[in-house]
Amino acid sequence: MKGPRFTCNVKTAYLPEQSQLPDGPFAYSYTVTITNSGGVAAQLVARHWVITDAAGHTEEVRGLAVVGHQPLLKPGESFEYTSWTRLATPQGTMQGTFFCMTEDAHPFDAPIQPFTLARASALH
């Protein structure tokens, strides 16, 4: 039997209407799709994000749920949500971990690989 496993994919977007040009802060949305790629039902319980701007300033965010939800996902099911963050610089990175629990109370972590937050013009 396949154990618990969540797979996470992230898409980002620059939010010019929430940003203060030219000096910042700069706002970005991120849409996370969490898929239960394991063999047992499990619930996303909490999150831990590490947000780093281009100057090396790091902020950690921890909390229960994601956008007010603690989804219980059966094998093959997905949950998608969108949130946002601000950076003092035009670009930075985010990475993190979701703390999850199987239906029979076995904890596991679902890593979110580092992803870039950047304005399109900041990449050229």
N, C-alpha and C. Protein backbone atom coordinates (compact mmCIF):
# COMPACT_ATOMS: atom_id res chain seq x y z
N MET A 1 0.84 -1.19 0.00
CA MET A 1 0.00 0.00 0.00
C MET A 1 0.88 1.25 0.00
N LYS A 2 0.51 2.19 -0.83
CA LYS A 2 1.24 3.44 -0.94
C LYS A 2 0.91 4.34 0.26
N GLY A 3 1.94 4.92 0.87
CA GLY A 3 1.74 5.77 2.04
C GLY A 3 1.25 7.16 1.67
N PRO A 4 1.22 8.04 2.65
CA PRO A 4 0.72 9.39 2.42
C PRO A 4 1.71 10.25 1.64
N ARG A 5 1.15 11.04 0.71
CA ARG A 5 2.00 11.96 -0.04
C ARG A 5 1.14 13.02 -0.70
N PHE A 6 1.50 14.27 -0.47
CA PHE A 6 0.86 15.39 -1.17
C PHE A 6 1.88 16.00 -2.11
N THR A 7 1.46 16.32 -3.32
CA THR A 7 2.30 16.99 -4.30
C THR A 7 1.77 18.42 -4.46
N CYS A 8 2.68 19.40 -4.48
CA CYS A 8 2.29 20.80 -4.53
C CYS A 8 2.85 21.49 -5.77
N ASN A 9 2.00 22.21 -6.49
CA ASN A 9 2.42 23.02 -7.63
C ASN A 9 1.98 24.45 -7.39
N VAL A 10 2.82 25.41 -7.82
CA VAL A 10 2.55 26.82 -7.54
C VAL A 10 2.66 27.64 -8.83
N LYS A 11 1.70 28.57 -9.01
CA LYS A 11 1.76 29.57 -10.07
C LYS A 11 1.71 30.93 -9.40
N THR A 12 2.54 31.86 -9.90
CA THR A 12 2.60 33.19 -9.28
C THR A 12 2.19 34.28 -10.27
N ALA A 13 1.82 35.43 -9.73
CA ALA A 13 1.50 36.59 -10.57
C ALA A 13 1.86 37.86 -9.81
N TYR A 14 2.38 38.83 -10.52
CA TYR A 14 2.66 40.15 -9.96
C TYR A 14 1.34 40.91 -9.87
N LEU A 15 1.12 41.63 -8.78
CA LEU A 15 -0.12 42.39 -8.58
C LEU A 15 0.20 43.89 -8.60
N PRO A 16 0.22 44.52 -9.80
CA PRO A 16 0.59 45.94 -9.88
C PRO A 16 -0.36 46.83 -9.09
N GLU A 17 -1.65 46.50 -9.04
CA GLU A 17 -2.62 47.36 -8.34
C GLU A 17 -2.43 47.32 -6.82
N GLN A 18 -1.75 46.31 -6.29
CA GLN A 18 -1.48 46.21 -4.85
C GLN A 18 -0.05 46.64 -4.50
N SER A 19 0.74 46.99 -5.53
CA SER A 19 2.14 47.37 -5.32
C SER A 19 2.28 48.88 -5.30
N GLN A 20 3.38 49.36 -4.71
CA GLN A 20 3.65 50.79 -4.66
C GLN A 20 4.94 51.08 -5.41
N LEU A 21 4.78 51.46 -6.68
CA LEU A 21 5.94 51.74 -7.51
C LEU A 21 6.44 53.15 -7.26
N PRO A 22 7.70 53.46 -7.42
CA PRO A 22 8.74 52.54 -7.91
C PRO A 22 9.48 51.79 -6.81
N ASP A 23 9.29 52.17 -5.55
CA ASP A 23 10.16 51.65 -4.48
C ASP A 23 9.58 50.50 -3.66
N GLY A 24 8.32 50.12 -3.90
CA GLY A 24 7.74 49.02 -3.17
C GLY A 24 7.00 49.46 -1.92
N PRO A 25 6.34 48.55 -1.25
CA PRO A 25 6.47 47.10 -1.45
C PRO A 25 5.80 46.62 -2.74
N PHE A 26 6.20 45.42 -3.14
CA PHE A 26 5.73 44.78 -4.36
C PHE A 26 4.87 43.58 -3.96
N ALA A 27 3.67 43.48 -4.55
CA ALA A 27 2.72 42.43 -4.17
C ALA A 27 2.65 41.33 -5.23
N TYR A 28 2.51 40.10 -4.75
CA TYR A 28 2.43 38.93 -5.62
C TYR A 28 1.35 37.98 -5.11
N SER A 29 0.62 37.40 -6.05
CA SER A 29 -0.30 36.33 -5.68
C SER A 29 0.39 35.00 -5.98
N TYR A 30 -0.02 33.97 -5.26
CA TYR A 30 0.45 32.63 -5.56
C TYR A 30 -0.72 31.67 -5.44
N THR A 31 -0.88 30.84 -6.45
CA THR A 31 -1.95 29.85 -6.48
C THR A 31 -1.31 28.49 -6.30
N VAL A 32 -1.72 27.80 -5.25
CA VAL A 32 -1.15 26.50 -4.90
C VAL A 32 -2.18 25.41 -5.20
N THR A 33 -1.75 24.40 -5.92
CA THR A 33 -2.57 23.21 -6.14
C THR A 33 -1.93 22.06 -5.37
N ILE A 34 -2.70 21.51 -4.43
CA ILE A 34 -2.24 20.41 -3.59
C ILE A 34 -2.97 19.16 -4.06
N THR A 35 -2.23 18.13 -4.43
CA THR A 35 -2.83 16.89 -4.90
C THR A 35 -2.40 15.75 -3.99
N ASN A 36 -3.36 14.94 -3.59
CA ASN A 36 -3.04 13.75 -2.81
C ASN A 36 -2.55 12.69 -3.79
N SER A 37 -1.23 12.54 -3.88
CA SER A 37 -0.63 11.58 -4.80
C SER A 37 -0.24 10.29 -4.07
N GLY A 38 -0.70 10.16 -2.84
CA GLY A 38 -0.43 8.96 -2.05
C GLY A 38 -1.58 7.97 -2.14
N GLY A 39 -1.53 7.00 -1.25
CA GLY A 39 -2.52 5.93 -1.29
C GLY A 39 -3.54 5.97 -0.17
N VAL A 40 -3.50 7.01 0.68
CA VAL A 40 -4.43 7.11 1.80
C VAL A 40 -5.00 8.52 1.89
N ALA A 41 -6.21 8.65 2.41
CA ALA A 41 -6.81 9.97 2.61
C ALA A 41 -6.02 10.71 3.69
N ALA A 42 -5.88 12.02 3.50
CA ALA A 42 -5.12 12.82 4.45
C ALA A 42 -5.63 14.25 4.43
N GLN A 43 -5.34 14.97 5.52
CA GLN A 43 -5.81 16.33 5.69
C GLN A 43 -4.64 17.29 5.83
N LEU A 44 -4.76 18.43 5.15
CA LEU A 44 -3.80 19.52 5.33
C LEU A 44 -4.21 20.25 6.61
N VAL A 45 -3.28 20.34 7.56
CA VAL A 45 -3.60 20.91 8.88
C VAL A 45 -3.01 22.31 9.04
N ALA A 46 -1.75 22.50 8.65
CA ALA A 46 -1.06 23.77 8.90
C ALA A 46 -0.05 24.06 7.81
N ARG A 47 0.48 25.30 7.82
CA ARG A 47 1.45 25.72 6.81
C ARG A 47 2.62 26.42 7.48
N HIS A 48 3.75 26.37 6.79
CA HIS A 48 4.96 27.10 7.20
C HIS A 48 5.60 27.62 5.92
N TRP A 49 5.65 28.93 5.77
CA TRP A 49 6.27 29.56 4.60
C TRP A 49 7.54 30.28 5.02
N VAL A 50 8.54 30.25 4.13
CA VAL A 50 9.76 31.05 4.28
C VAL A 50 9.82 31.95 3.05
N ILE A 51 9.72 33.26 3.29
CA ILE A 51 9.67 34.25 2.21
C ILE A 51 10.95 35.09 2.30
N THR A 52 11.71 35.13 1.19
CA THR A 52 12.98 35.84 1.17
C THR A 52 13.00 36.85 0.03
N ASP A 53 13.32 38.10 0.35
CA ASP A 53 13.39 39.10 -0.72
C ASP A 53 14.81 39.15 -1.30
N ALA A 54 15.01 39.99 -2.32
CA ALA A 54 16.29 40.04 -3.03
C ALA A 54 17.41 40.60 -2.16
N ALA A 55 17.06 41.30 -1.07
CA ALA A 55 18.08 41.82 -0.16
C ALA A 55 18.47 40.80 0.91
N GLY A 56 17.83 39.62 0.87
CA GLY A 56 18.16 38.57 1.82
C GLY A 56 17.32 38.59 3.09
N HIS A 57 16.38 39.53 3.19
CA HIS A 57 15.49 39.58 4.36
C HIS A 57 14.51 38.40 4.30
N THR A 58 14.44 37.65 5.39
CA THR A 58 13.59 36.46 5.44
C THR A 58 12.48 36.65 6.46
N GLU A 59 11.28 36.25 6.06
CA GLU A 59 10.12 36.26 6.95
C GLU A 59 9.54 34.85 6.97
N GLU A 60 9.21 34.37 8.16
CA GLU A 60 8.57 33.06 8.28
C GLU A 60 7.13 33.26 8.70
N VAL A 61 6.24 32.51 8.06
CA VAL A 61 4.81 32.58 8.35
C VAL A 61 4.34 31.17 8.68
N ARG A 62 3.74 31.01 9.86
CA ARG A 62 3.20 29.73 10.28
C ARG A 62 1.74 29.92 10.68
N GLY A 63 0.94 28.89 10.45
CA GLY A 63 -0.44 28.99 10.88
C GLY A 63 -1.24 27.76 10.54
N LEU A 64 -2.39 27.64 11.18
CA LEU A 64 -3.31 26.56 10.88
C LEU A 64 -4.03 26.86 9.58
N ALA A 65 -4.31 25.84 8.82
CA ALA A 65 -5.13 25.92 7.61
C ALA A 65 -4.47 26.74 6.50
N VAL A 66 -5.11 26.77 5.35
CA VAL A 66 -4.75 27.63 4.23
C VAL A 66 -6.04 28.33 3.81
N VAL A 67 -6.02 29.65 3.76
CA VAL A 67 -7.19 30.49 3.47
C VAL A 67 -8.45 29.98 4.19
N GLY A 68 -8.30 29.61 5.45
CA GLY A 68 -9.43 29.18 6.26
C GLY A 68 -9.89 27.74 6.05
N HIS A 69 -9.16 26.97 5.27
CA HIS A 69 -9.56 25.59 4.97
C HIS A 69 -8.50 24.59 5.45
N GLN A 70 -8.96 23.43 5.88
CA GLN A 70 -8.11 22.29 6.19
C GLN A 70 -8.64 21.11 5.40
N PRO A 71 -8.37 21.10 4.08
CA PRO A 71 -9.02 20.12 3.21
C PRO A 71 -8.59 18.68 3.51
N LEU A 72 -9.57 17.79 3.50
CA LEU A 72 -9.33 16.35 3.59
C LEU A 72 -9.40 15.82 2.17
N LEU A 73 -8.27 15.27 1.69
CA LEU A 73 -8.17 14.82 0.30
C LEU A 73 -8.03 13.31 0.23
N LYS A 74 -8.91 12.69 -0.55
CA LYS A 74 -8.77 11.26 -0.84
C LYS A 74 -7.70 11.10 -1.91
N PRO A 75 -7.14 9.91 -2.06
CA PRO A 75 -6.13 9.70 -3.11
C PRO A 75 -6.64 10.20 -4.47
N GLY A 76 -5.81 11.01 -5.13
CA GLY A 76 -6.16 11.54 -6.44
C GLY A 76 -6.88 12.87 -6.41
N GLU A 77 -7.41 13.28 -5.26
CA GLU A 77 -8.12 14.55 -5.17
C GLU A 77 -7.14 15.72 -5.03
N SER A 78 -7.60 16.91 -5.46
CA SER A 78 -6.79 18.13 -5.37
C SER A 78 -7.57 19.24 -4.69
N PHE A 79 -6.83 20.19 -4.15
CA PHE A 79 -7.40 21.41 -3.57
C PHE A 79 -6.54 22.56 -4.07
N GLU A 80 -7.19 23.63 -4.53
CA GLU A 80 -6.46 24.78 -5.03
C GLU A 80 -6.88 26.03 -4.27
N TYR A 81 -5.91 26.87 -3.94
CA TYR A 81 -6.22 28.14 -3.30
C TYR A 81 -5.24 29.20 -3.77
N THR A 82 -5.68 30.46 -3.63
CA THR A 82 -4.83 31.60 -3.98
C THR A 82 -4.68 32.50 -2.77
N SER A 83 -3.46 32.94 -2.52
CA SER A 83 -3.17 33.89 -1.47
C SER A 83 -2.18 34.90 -2.03
N TRP A 84 -1.64 35.76 -1.17
CA TRP A 84 -0.70 36.77 -1.67
C TRP A 84 0.26 37.18 -0.58
N THR A 85 1.31 37.85 -1.02
CA THR A 85 2.34 38.35 -0.10
C THR A 85 2.94 39.62 -0.68
N ARG A 86 3.66 40.35 0.17
CA ARG A 86 4.37 41.56 -0.29
C ARG A 86 5.85 41.40 -0.01
N LEU A 87 6.66 41.95 -0.90
CA LEU A 87 8.12 41.98 -0.74
C LEU A 87 8.59 43.42 -0.79
N ALA A 88 9.68 43.71 -0.08
CA ALA A 88 10.27 45.05 -0.12
C ALA A 88 11.05 45.27 -1.42
N THR A 89 11.42 44.18 -2.12
CA THR A 89 12.19 44.26 -3.36
C THR A 89 11.35 43.74 -4.53
N PRO A 90 11.74 44.06 -5.77
CA PRO A 90 10.95 43.63 -6.93
C PRO A 90 10.93 42.12 -7.17
N GLN A 91 11.78 41.38 -6.48
CA GLN A 91 11.75 39.93 -6.64
C GLN A 91 12.20 39.25 -5.36
N GLY A 92 11.89 37.96 -5.29
CA GLY A 92 12.26 37.17 -4.13
C GLY A 92 11.84 35.73 -4.35
N THR A 93 11.89 34.95 -3.28
CA THR A 93 11.51 33.54 -3.37
C THR A 93 10.63 33.16 -2.19
N MET A 94 9.88 32.10 -2.39
CA MET A 94 9.10 31.49 -1.32
C MET A 94 9.31 29.99 -1.37
N GLN A 95 9.26 29.37 -0.22
CA GLN A 95 9.26 27.91 -0.13
C GLN A 95 8.58 27.56 1.18
N GLY A 96 8.22 26.30 1.35
CA GLY A 96 7.55 25.98 2.60
C GLY A 96 7.22 24.52 2.77
N THR A 97 6.36 24.31 3.75
CA THR A 97 5.93 22.96 4.10
C THR A 97 4.48 23.01 4.57
N PHE A 98 3.71 22.04 4.12
CA PHE A 98 2.38 21.82 4.69
C PHE A 98 2.49 20.67 5.67
N PHE A 99 1.96 20.85 6.88
CA PHE A 99 1.89 19.78 7.86
C PHE A 99 0.56 19.07 7.63
N CYS A 100 0.62 17.77 7.44
CA CYS A 100 -0.55 16.99 7.08
C CYS A 100 -0.72 15.80 8.02
N MET A 101 -1.92 15.25 8.02
CA MET A 101 -2.23 14.13 8.90
C MET A 101 -3.12 13.14 8.15
N THR A 102 -2.74 11.86 8.20
CA THR A 102 -3.59 10.85 7.59
C THR A 102 -4.85 10.67 8.43
N GLU A 103 -5.86 10.02 7.85
CA GLU A 103 -7.11 9.80 8.57
C GLU A 103 -6.91 9.02 9.86
N ASP A 104 -5.87 8.17 9.89
CA ASP A 104 -5.60 7.39 11.10
C ASP A 104 -4.49 8.04 11.95
N ALA A 105 -4.35 9.37 11.83
CA ALA A 105 -3.51 10.20 12.71
C ALA A 105 -2.01 9.96 12.60
N HIS A 106 -1.51 9.72 11.38
CA HIS A 106 -0.07 9.66 11.14
C HIS A 106 0.36 10.98 10.48
N PRO A 107 1.22 11.77 11.13
CA PRO A 107 1.63 13.05 10.56
C PRO A 107 2.67 12.88 9.46
N PHE A 108 2.65 13.80 8.52
CA PHE A 108 3.70 13.85 7.48
C PHE A 108 3.76 15.27 6.95
N ASP A 109 4.91 15.62 6.35
CA ASP A 109 5.10 16.93 5.75
C ASP A 109 5.02 16.85 4.24
N ALA A 110 4.44 17.88 3.64
CA ALA A 110 4.42 18.01 2.18
C ALA A 110 5.24 19.25 1.82
N PRO A 111 6.43 19.06 1.26
CA PRO A 111 7.28 20.22 0.94
C PRO A 111 6.77 21.00 -0.27
N ILE A 112 6.95 22.31 -0.22
CA ILE A 112 6.70 23.17 -1.37
C ILE A 112 8.06 23.68 -1.81
N GLN A 113 8.48 23.27 -2.99
CA GLN A 113 9.80 23.63 -3.50
C GLN A 113 9.89 25.15 -3.69
N PRO A 114 11.10 25.70 -3.61
CA PRO A 114 11.26 27.15 -3.80
C PRO A 114 10.70 27.61 -5.15
N PHE A 115 10.02 28.75 -5.12
CA PHE A 115 9.53 29.35 -6.37
C PHE A 115 9.81 30.85 -6.32
N THR A 116 9.88 31.47 -7.50
CA THR A 116 10.28 32.86 -7.64
C THR A 116 9.06 33.78 -7.69
N LEU A 117 9.19 34.89 -7.00
CA LEU A 117 8.23 35.99 -7.10
C LEU A 117 8.96 37.12 -7.79
N ALA A 118 8.48 37.54 -8.98
CA ALA A 118 9.20 38.59 -9.72
C ALA A 118 8.27 39.28 -10.71
N ARG A 119 8.47 40.58 -10.85
CA ARG A 119 7.83 41.31 -11.92
C ARG A 119 8.49 40.90 -13.23
N ALA A 120 7.75 40.83 -14.29
CA ALA A 120 8.32 40.43 -15.58
C ALA A 120 9.49 41.34 -15.95
N SER A 121 9.35 42.64 -15.73
CA SER A 121 10.42 43.57 -16.09
C SER A 121 11.65 43.41 -15.20
N ALA A 122 11.47 42.82 -14.01
CA ALA A 122 12.61 42.65 -13.09
C ALA A 122 13.50 41.49 -13.52
N LEU A 123 13.02 40.66 -14.44
CA LEU A 123 13.80 39.49 -14.87
C LEU A 123 14.71 39.80 -16.05
N HIS A 124 14.55 40.97 -16.67
CA HIS A 124 15.35 41.28 -17.87
C HIS A 124 16.55 42.14 -17.54
